[in-house]
Amino acid sequence: MVIVVGSGAGGATVAKELAARGLTVILIEKGPVVEERDAFKHYANVDAEVHIMRTICLGGTTVVSAGNGVRCLDAELRAVGIDLSEEFEETEKELGVGVLPDSLFGDGTRKIMEAATDLGLEVQKMPKFIDPAKCKADGRCSFGCPEAAKWSALNFVKQAKRLGATILTNMPVDEVIVKSGEVAGVRCGDRIFTDDTVVLSAGALETPRLLERAGLPTSASSLFVDTFTTIGGVLEGIGFNKEVTMNALIRFDDFILSPHFSRRLVESMEQRGIAASPEDMLGIMVKIKDDEVGVINEQVEKGVTNRDAVLLSEGAAVAGSILEEAGVDPATFVATPLRGAHPGGTAKIGVAVDTRLETGVSGLYVMDASVLPAAPGAPPLLTIVALAKYGSKLIG
């Protein structure tokens, strides 16, 4: 039997892969079962200088992802001894990763892409794990897709259940049980589940806490989150708020730009005394490879370094130029508060786990964003799934 803690991108993948091989799997999730359309009700964000976004529910934060399927950290993982070439291909095929048809590109995204091209920037269509036949382009990706058009970890959870896995929800794991240097199970309140194989996929904020309670090393003072802000302004009647979010990608060395609507843009506009409706906003996300200086104790601390501030400023300047070229009045430019949606790096390969993703305790593995070696500065979901596939092959 294998116990998997957490049902996000890593945990759901592990549960499905191992159940498909005939192993007995128990998947334990802290949060509840939710309808995808209601996932936004289960945000459990963390207040810090950089606000950290996450959801606690079956499927984890994948249910509110933008559906972006980009490869990232390939070279960094190779450098620490992990080659995911095979797993990336498997994952892209299984999730149906590809660019969306032109019919699912709205006017706002088109204007941003055309303006960026006119300014000499290289623009790509964002690879997505979204079924174009189901997508209604309603702008609700980050709330939970009401059409279930986007892949989420719920797909794998359902597959794992059909293959015989037991799914337990509303059950926080309090402790990993270790005896004589080997894992023996987990404790959830007054319930104990025993097994000699446990996979922690509780996310980069909770996994290191479980490791530390077990007396194991972590890199909990090296938290990254891919800090981002959205720069936006008024372009009347553009209707950008009802488009597929982040449907294009502009890469730089240490940051990316992507078309992005946020309700925070409207709030920021109102704070400036400018009346604007969501239908009138056009925006671009600036997402950076932030410095790994966050700390997880009882509270989570994550701020902005001088380097982070420079990267955000550089990205915002480019985003502003693109928006102005697209027809946005620069007098209306606003920026959202700093946030991060990709926490990781808190149980790194080489510190908390080896290249088999196993800790110093025999049978205890970590397969989530905690093990990532560096800030990706780009959506890491595809990489997490590929890494979990890789790790699953090493169990049993």
Protein backbone atom coordinates (compact mmCIF):
# COMPACT_ATOMS: atom_id res chain seq x y z
CA MET A 1 0.00 0.00 0.00
CA VAL A 2 1.06 3.60 -0.63
CA ILE A 3 -0.19 6.66 1.23
CA VAL A 4 -0.26 9.88 -0.80
CA VAL A 5 -0.71 13.16 1.07
CA GLY A 6 -2.27 15.90 -1.06
CA SER A 7 -4.31 15.77 -4.26
CA GLY A 8 -2.86 18.58 -6.36
CA ALA A 9 -0.74 18.20 -9.49
CA GLY A 10 1.84 16.01 -7.76
CA GLY A 11 -0.31 13.89 -5.48
CA ALA A 12 -3.08 13.17 -7.97
CA THR A 13 -0.50 12.11 -10.55
CA VAL A 14 1.23 9.76 -8.12
CA ALA A 15 -2.08 8.23 -7.01
CA LYS A 16 -3.21 7.63 -10.58
CA GLU A 17 0.12 6.24 -11.77
CA LEU A 18 0.51 3.84 -8.84
CA ALA A 19 -3.12 2.69 -8.91
CA ALA A 20 -2.72 1.97 -12.63
CA ARG A 21 0.13 -0.39 -11.72
CA GLY A 22 -2.12 -2.29 -9.34
CA LEU A 23 -0.77 -0.85 -6.09
CA THR A 24 -3.15 -0.17 -3.22
CA VAL A 25 -3.31 3.62 -2.82
CA ILE A 26 -4.84 5.85 -0.15
CA LEU A 27 -4.98 9.51 -1.19
CA ILE A 28 -5.49 11.86 1.76
CA GLU A 29 -6.63 15.44 1.12
CA LYS A 30 -6.93 18.24 3.68
CA GLY A 31 -9.74 20.02 1.85
CA PRO A 32 -13.25 19.11 0.69
CA VAL A 33 -14.67 17.75 -2.53
CA VAL A 34 -15.80 20.68 -4.68
CA GLU A 35 -17.55 21.31 -7.95
CA GLU A 36 -15.01 22.85 -10.32
CA ARG A 37 -17.25 25.88 -10.92
CA ASP A 38 -17.17 26.60 -7.17
CA ALA A 39 -13.42 26.23 -6.66
CA PHE A 40 -12.97 29.99 -6.13
CA LYS A 41 -14.82 29.62 -2.82
CA HIS A 42 -11.93 27.57 -1.48
CA TYR A 43 -9.04 29.99 -1.93
CA ALA A 44 -6.92 29.86 1.23
CA ASN A 45 -4.46 32.61 0.42
CA VAL A 46 -1.53 33.46 2.67
CA ASP A 47 -0.98 37.04 3.78
CA ALA A 48 2.60 38.20 3.40
CA GLU A 49 4.30 41.16 1.73
CA VAL A 50 3.80 39.13 -1.44
CA HIS A 51 0.30 37.61 -1.18
CA ILE A 52 0.50 33.85 -1.85
CA MET A 53 -2.46 32.31 -3.65
CA ARG A 54 -3.65 28.73 -3.25
CA THR A 55 -6.82 26.67 -2.89
CA ILE A 56 -7.38 23.90 -0.37
CA CYS A 57 -9.72 21.34 -1.87
CA LEU A 58 -9.66 18.10 -3.81
CA GLY A 59 -7.52 18.83 -6.87
CA GLY A 60 -5.61 21.60 -5.13
CA THR A 61 -4.68 24.78 -6.94
CA THR A 62 -4.92 23.07 -10.34
CA VAL A 63 -8.68 23.68 -10.30
CA VAL A 64 -8.07 27.44 -10.49
CA SER A 65 -5.05 27.37 -12.80
CA ALA A 66 -5.01 29.19 -16.13
CA GLY A 67 -4.47 25.90 -17.94
CA ASN A 68 -0.95 26.77 -19.09
CA GLY A 69 1.19 23.84 -20.28
CA VAL A 70 4.71 25.21 -20.71
CA ARG A 71 7.86 23.23 -20.04
CA CYS A 72 10.08 24.86 -17.45
CA LEU A 73 13.15 24.03 -15.33
CA ASP A 74 14.21 21.33 -17.80
CA ALA A 75 17.87 22.43 -17.73
CA GLU A 76 17.87 23.05 -13.98
CA LEU A 77 16.53 19.56 -13.28
CA ARG A 78 19.08 17.99 -15.62
CA ALA A 79 21.79 19.84 -13.70
CA VAL A 80 20.75 18.08 -10.49
CA GLY A 81 20.53 14.69 -12.20
CA ILE A 82 16.91 14.38 -13.35
CA ASP A 83 16.01 14.08 -17.04
CA LEU A 84 12.27 14.50 -17.65
CA SER A 85 12.35 14.25 -21.45
CA GLU A 86 10.22 11.11 -21.51
CA GLU A 87 7.85 12.34 -18.81
CA PHE A 88 7.32 15.72 -20.48
CA GLU A 89 6.24 13.96 -23.66
CA GLU A 90 3.95 11.62 -21.71
CA THR A 91 2.39 14.51 -19.83
CA GLU A 92 1.83 16.70 -22.87
CA LYS A 93 0.12 13.84 -24.66
CA GLU A 94 -2.02 12.84 -21.69
CA LEU A 95 -3.12 16.39 -20.87
CA GLY A 96 -3.71 17.26 -24.52
CA VAL A 97 -1.34 20.23 -24.46
CA GLY A 98 -1.51 22.50 -27.49
CA VAL A 99 -2.30 26.03 -28.60
CA LEU A 100 -5.95 26.99 -28.90
CA PRO A 101 -7.60 27.77 -32.25
CA ASP A 102 -7.85 31.38 -33.40
CA SER A 103 -11.57 31.37 -32.60
CA LEU A 104 -10.66 31.31 -28.88
CA PHE A 105 -8.44 34.40 -29.07
CA GLY A 106 -10.38 37.52 -28.11
CA ASP A 107 -9.91 41.08 -29.31
CA GLY A 108 -7.89 42.10 -26.26
CA THR A 109 -5.39 39.27 -26.58
CA ARG A 110 -5.08 39.90 -30.31
CA LYS A 111 -4.37 43.59 -29.71
CA ILE A 112 -1.68 42.75 -27.17
CA MET A 113 -0.06 40.21 -29.49
CA GLU A 114 -0.13 42.59 -32.46
CA ALA A 115 1.21 45.51 -30.41
CA ALA A 116 4.06 43.42 -28.99
CA THR A 117 4.97 42.18 -32.46
CA ASP A 118 4.95 45.75 -33.78
CA LEU A 119 7.40 46.66 -31.01
CA GLY A 120 9.77 43.91 -32.16
CA LEU A 121 9.01 41.38 -29.45
CA GLU A 122 8.67 37.65 -30.06
CA VAL A 123 5.16 36.52 -29.18
CA GLN A 124 4.00 32.92 -28.84
CA LYS A 125 0.59 31.40 -28.36
CA MET A 126 0.49 29.89 -24.88
CA PRO A 127 0.35 26.07 -24.84
CA LYS A 128 -2.83 25.09 -23.00
CA PHE A 129 -4.37 21.95 -21.55
CA ILE A 130 -7.84 23.15 -22.46
CA ASP A 131 -10.30 21.27 -24.67
CA PRO A 132 -11.30 23.80 -27.35
CA ALA A 133 -14.52 21.89 -28.02
CA LYS A 134 -15.68 22.59 -24.45
CA CYS A 135 -14.16 26.03 -23.84
CA LYS A 136 -16.64 28.93 -23.76
CA ALA A 137 -13.94 31.62 -23.41
CA ASP A 138 -15.77 33.10 -20.42
CA GLY A 139 -12.68 34.24 -18.51
CA ARG A 140 -13.39 31.95 -15.55
CA CYS A 141 -10.25 29.77 -15.59
CA SER A 142 -8.98 31.09 -12.27
CA PHE A 143 -12.37 30.69 -10.61
CA GLY A 144 -12.87 27.06 -11.62
CA CYS A 145 -14.02 26.12 -15.10
CA PRO A 146 -17.82 25.66 -15.21
CA GLU A 147 -17.48 23.62 -18.41
CA ALA A 148 -14.69 21.32 -17.13
CA ALA A 149 -12.85 22.25 -20.33
CA LYS A 150 -9.51 22.59 -18.56
CA TRP A 151 -7.47 19.67 -17.24
CA SER A 152 -7.13 19.68 -13.48
CA ALA A 153 -5.86 17.17 -10.96
CA LEU A 154 -9.49 16.14 -10.46
CA ASN A 155 -9.18 14.24 -13.74
CA PHE A 156 -6.40 12.10 -12.27
CA VAL A 157 -8.16 11.75 -8.90
CA LYS A 158 -11.21 10.33 -10.66
CA GLN A 159 -9.03 7.96 -12.67
CA ALA A 160 -7.24 6.82 -9.52
CA LYS A 161 -10.58 6.14 -7.83
CA ARG A 162 -11.80 4.09 -10.80
CA LEU A 163 -8.57 2.10 -10.57
CA GLY A 164 -9.25 1.26 -6.94
CA ALA A 165 -7.60 4.07 -4.97
CA THR A 166 -9.27 5.21 -1.75
CA ILE A 167 -9.87 8.98 -1.62
CA LEU A 168 -10.19 10.61 1.81
CA THR A 169 -11.12 14.31 2.06
CA ASN A 170 -11.45 16.86 4.87
CA MET A 171 -8.57 15.08 6.58
CA PRO A 172 -5.46 17.14 7.39
CA VAL A 173 -2.29 15.13 8.00
CA ASP A 174 -0.68 16.23 11.25
CA GLU A 175 2.37 14.01 11.39
CA VAL A 176 4.50 11.59 9.43
CA ILE A 177 5.25 8.56 11.60
CA VAL A 178 8.89 7.41 11.51
CA LYS A 179 10.27 4.33 13.27
CA SER A 180 13.92 3.26 13.24
CA GLY A 181 14.73 5.42 10.22
CA GLU A 182 11.84 4.12 8.13
CA VAL A 183 8.45 5.65 7.42
CA ALA A 184 5.58 3.86 9.16
CA GLY A 185 2.54 5.92 8.17
CA VAL A 186 0.78 9.20 8.94
CA ARG A 187 -1.41 10.57 11.70
CA CYS A 188 -4.58 12.54 10.96
CA GLY A 189 -5.94 13.74 14.28
CA ASP A 190 -6.71 10.57 16.24
CA ARG A 191 -6.60 8.35 13.15
CA ILE A 192 -3.43 6.57 12.13
CA PHE A 193 -2.76 5.08 8.70
CA THR A 194 0.17 2.69 8.59
CA ASP A 195 2.33 1.89 5.58
CA ASP A 196 5.98 1.63 4.62
CA THR A 197 5.63 4.02 1.66
CA VAL A 198 4.39 7.60 2.00
CA VAL A 199 4.48 10.31 -0.67
CA LEU A 200 4.18 13.91 0.51
CA SER A 201 2.49 16.14 -2.07
CA ALA A 202 0.95 18.65 0.32
CA GLY A 203 2.37 21.66 -1.49
CA ALA A 204 5.39 23.84 -0.86
CA LEU A 205 3.87 25.54 2.18
CA GLU A 206 2.77 22.40 4.05
CA THR A 207 5.20 19.67 2.95
CA PRO A 208 8.25 21.26 4.65
CA ARG A 209 6.29 21.60 7.89
CA LEU A 210 5.55 17.87 7.87
CA LEU A 211 9.20 17.12 7.15
CA GLU A 212 10.42 19.36 9.96
CA ARG A 213 8.01 17.77 12.44
CA ALA A 214 9.61 14.45 11.50
CA GLY A 215 13.06 15.91 12.23
CA LEU A 216 14.10 15.98 8.58
CA PRO A 217 16.04 18.68 6.69
CA THR A 218 14.21 21.13 4.44
CA SER A 219 14.94 24.28 2.46
CA ALA A 220 12.05 26.13 4.11
CA SER A 221 14.06 29.37 4.05
CA SER A 222 14.33 29.27 0.24
CA LEU A 223 10.69 29.81 -0.71
CA PHE A 224 9.97 31.26 -4.15
CA VAL A 225 6.52 32.11 -5.51
CA ASP A 226 7.06 33.55 -9.03
CA THR A 227 6.02 37.01 -7.88
CA PHE A 228 3.69 38.77 -10.29
CA THR A 229 1.70 41.92 -10.86
CA THR A 230 -0.75 42.84 -13.58
CA ILE A 231 -0.38 46.16 -15.38
CA GLY A 232 -3.55 47.46 -16.99
CA GLY A 233 -5.57 50.41 -18.16
CA VAL A 234 -8.71 51.49 -19.93
CA LEU A 235 -9.65 50.50 -23.47
CA GLU A 236 -13.38 51.03 -23.60
CA GLY A 237 -15.56 48.12 -24.61
CA ILE A 238 -12.69 45.67 -25.19
CA GLY A 239 -14.41 42.85 -23.26
CA PHE A 240 -11.04 41.38 -22.26
CA ASN A 241 -12.48 40.11 -18.96
CA LYS A 242 -14.41 37.43 -20.86
CA GLU A 243 -11.44 36.00 -22.75
CA VAL A 244 -9.27 32.93 -22.18
CA THR A 245 -6.69 34.24 -19.74
CA MET A 246 -2.96 34.12 -20.48
CA ASN A 247 -3.47 32.94 -24.05
CA ALA A 248 -0.13 34.34 -25.25
CA LEU A 249 3.44 34.36 -23.95
CA ILE A 250 6.37 36.77 -24.27
CA ARG A 251 9.56 35.38 -22.71
CA PHE A 252 12.51 37.27 -21.29
CA ASP A 253 15.48 35.87 -19.38
CA ASP A 254 14.04 36.36 -15.90
CA PHE A 255 10.39 37.22 -16.45
CA ILE A 256 7.46 36.58 -18.73
CA LEU A 257 4.58 38.72 -19.95
CA SER A 258 1.13 37.35 -20.68
CA PRO A 259 -2.32 38.88 -21.34
CA HIS A 260 -4.18 38.84 -18.04
CA PHE A 261 -7.36 40.30 -16.59
CA SER A 262 -7.66 40.78 -12.86
CA ARG A 263 -10.51 42.25 -10.85
CA ARG A 264 -7.79 43.94 -8.83
CA LEU A 265 -7.24 46.23 -11.81
CA VAL A 266 -10.72 47.65 -11.39
CA GLU A 267 -10.17 48.02 -7.64
CA SER A 268 -6.89 49.85 -8.25
CA MET A 269 -8.63 52.10 -10.75
CA GLU A 270 -11.36 52.94 -8.25
CA GLN A 271 -8.72 53.82 -5.65
CA ARG A 272 -7.41 56.40 -8.11
CA GLY A 273 -10.89 57.81 -8.55
CA ILE A 274 -11.21 56.59 -12.14
CA ALA A 275 -14.52 54.98 -13.06
CA ALA A 276 -14.06 51.85 -15.15
CA SER A 277 -15.95 48.62 -15.61
CA PRO A 278 -14.33 45.19 -16.00
CA GLU A 279 -15.33 45.23 -19.68
CA ASP A 280 -13.09 48.27 -20.24
CA MET A 281 -9.83 46.89 -18.84
CA LEU A 282 -6.87 45.52 -20.79
CA GLY A 283 -3.98 44.03 -18.83
CA ILE A 284 -0.66 42.20 -18.99
CA MET A 285 0.80 40.01 -16.26
CA VAL A 286 4.46 40.48 -15.34
CA LYS A 287 5.74 37.30 -13.68
CA ILE A 288 9.34 37.07 -12.48
CA LYS A 289 11.83 34.46 -11.33
CA ASP A 290 11.92 35.85 -7.81
CA ASP A 291 14.75 35.46 -5.34
CA GLU A 292 14.39 32.44 -3.07
CA VAL A 293 14.22 34.32 0.22
CA GLY A 294 10.81 33.37 1.59
CA VAL A 295 10.66 31.63 4.96
CA ILE A 296 8.17 29.12 6.32
CA ASN A 297 7.81 29.10 10.10
CA GLU A 298 4.51 29.27 11.95
CA GLN A 299 3.88 32.18 9.61
CA VAL A 300 5.00 32.49 6.01
CA GLU A 301 7.28 35.40 5.16
CA LYS A 302 7.81 36.47 1.55
CA GLY A 303 9.02 39.86 0.49
CA VAL A 304 10.65 41.61 -2.45
CA THR A 305 14.41 41.93 -2.91
CA ASN A 306 16.12 44.72 -4.82
CA ARG A 307 16.60 42.34 -7.74
CA ASP A 308 12.92 41.40 -7.68
CA ALA A 309 11.95 45.06 -7.72
CA VAL A 310 14.20 45.74 -10.71
CA LEU A 311 12.73 42.82 -12.67
CA LEU A 312 9.18 43.87 -11.87
CA SER A 313 9.97 47.43 -12.96
CA GLU A 314 11.57 46.25 -16.20
CA GLY A 315 8.62 44.01 -16.97
CA ALA A 316 6.10 46.70 -16.12
CA ALA A 317 7.84 49.15 -18.44
CA VAL A 318 7.64 46.71 -21.35
CA ALA A 319 4.03 45.86 -20.51
CA GLY A 320 3.16 49.55 -20.44
CA SER A 321 4.72 50.09 -23.86
CA ILE A 322 2.70 47.19 -25.28
CA LEU A 323 -0.55 48.43 -23.76
CA GLU A 324 0.00 51.95 -25.05
CA GLU A 325 0.74 50.56 -28.53
CA ALA A 326 -2.50 48.56 -28.23
CA GLY A 327 -4.49 51.72 -27.62
CA VAL A 328 -4.69 51.96 -23.84
CA ASP A 329 -4.52 55.48 -22.40
CA PRO A 330 -1.33 55.54 -20.28
CA ALA A 331 -2.97 58.05 -17.94
CA THR A 332 -5.16 55.17 -16.76
CA PHE A 333 -2.35 52.69 -16.04
CA VAL A 334 -2.58 50.87 -12.71
CA ALA A 335 -0.84 47.86 -11.17
CA THR A 336 -2.27 45.16 -8.95
CA PRO A 337 -0.71 44.31 -5.57
CA LEU A 338 2.13 41.80 -5.67
CA ARG A 339 1.07 38.17 -5.55
CA GLY A 340 2.55 34.74 -6.10
CA ALA A 341 0.77 31.58 -7.23
CA HIS A 342 3.68 29.14 -7.65
CA PRO A 343 5.17 28.50 -4.19
CA GLY A 344 8.07 26.07 -4.36
CA GLY A 345 11.65 25.23 -3.46
CA THR A 346 11.07 24.42 0.22
CA ALA A 347 12.23 20.77 0.13
CA LYS A 348 14.75 20.91 -2.67
CA ILE A 349 16.42 18.08 -4.47
CA GLY A 350 19.86 17.74 -2.90
CA VAL A 351 18.68 19.10 0.45
CA ALA A 352 15.48 17.31 1.49
CA VAL A 353 15.37 14.56 -1.14
CA ASP A 354 17.72 12.75 -3.49
CA THR A 355 17.30 12.28 -7.24
CA ARG A 356 14.81 9.49 -6.51
CA LEU A 357 12.76 12.13 -4.65
CA GLU A 358 13.24 10.10 -1.45
CA THR A 359 14.08 11.70 1.89
CA GLY A 360 16.62 10.40 4.38
CA VAL A 361 13.83 8.27 5.82
CA SER A 362 13.40 5.06 3.86
CA GLY A 363 10.08 4.97 2.01
CA LEU A 364 9.24 8.66 2.49
CA TYR A 365 9.11 10.63 -0.77
CA VAL A 366 8.26 14.19 -1.78
CA MET A 367 6.60 14.87 -5.14
CA ASP A 368 5.34 18.41 -5.44
CA ALA A 369 6.69 21.91 -6.10
CA SER A 370 8.67 21.76 -2.86
CA VAL A 371 11.47 19.83 -4.59
CA LEU A 372 11.92 22.22 -7.54
CA PRO A 373 15.52 23.47 -7.74
CA ALA A 374 14.80 27.08 -8.74
CA ALA A 375 12.05 29.60 -9.39
CA PRO A 376 10.65 28.86 -12.85
CA GLY A 377 9.25 32.32 -13.51
CA ALA A 378 6.60 30.56 -15.58
CA PRO A 379 3.67 28.20 -14.92
CA PRO A 380 5.21 25.01 -13.41
CA LEU A 381 2.21 22.69 -13.47
CA LEU A 382 3.37 20.64 -16.45
CA THR A 383 6.76 20.17 -14.80
CA ILE A 384 5.21 19.07 -11.49
CA VAL A 385 3.08 16.44 -13.24
CA ALA A 386 6.10 15.21 -15.23
CA LEU A 387 8.21 15.07 -12.07
CA ALA A 388 5.51 13.09 -10.25
CA LYS A 389 5.37 10.63 -13.16
CA TYR A 390 9.15 10.26 -12.93
CA GLY A 391 9.01 9.68 -9.18
CA SER A 392 6.13 7.22 -9.43
CA LYS A 393 8.24 4.96 -11.63
CA LEU A 394 10.77 4.64 -8.80
CA ILE A 395 8.26 3.33 -6.24
CA GLY A 396 7.46 -0.35 -5.83
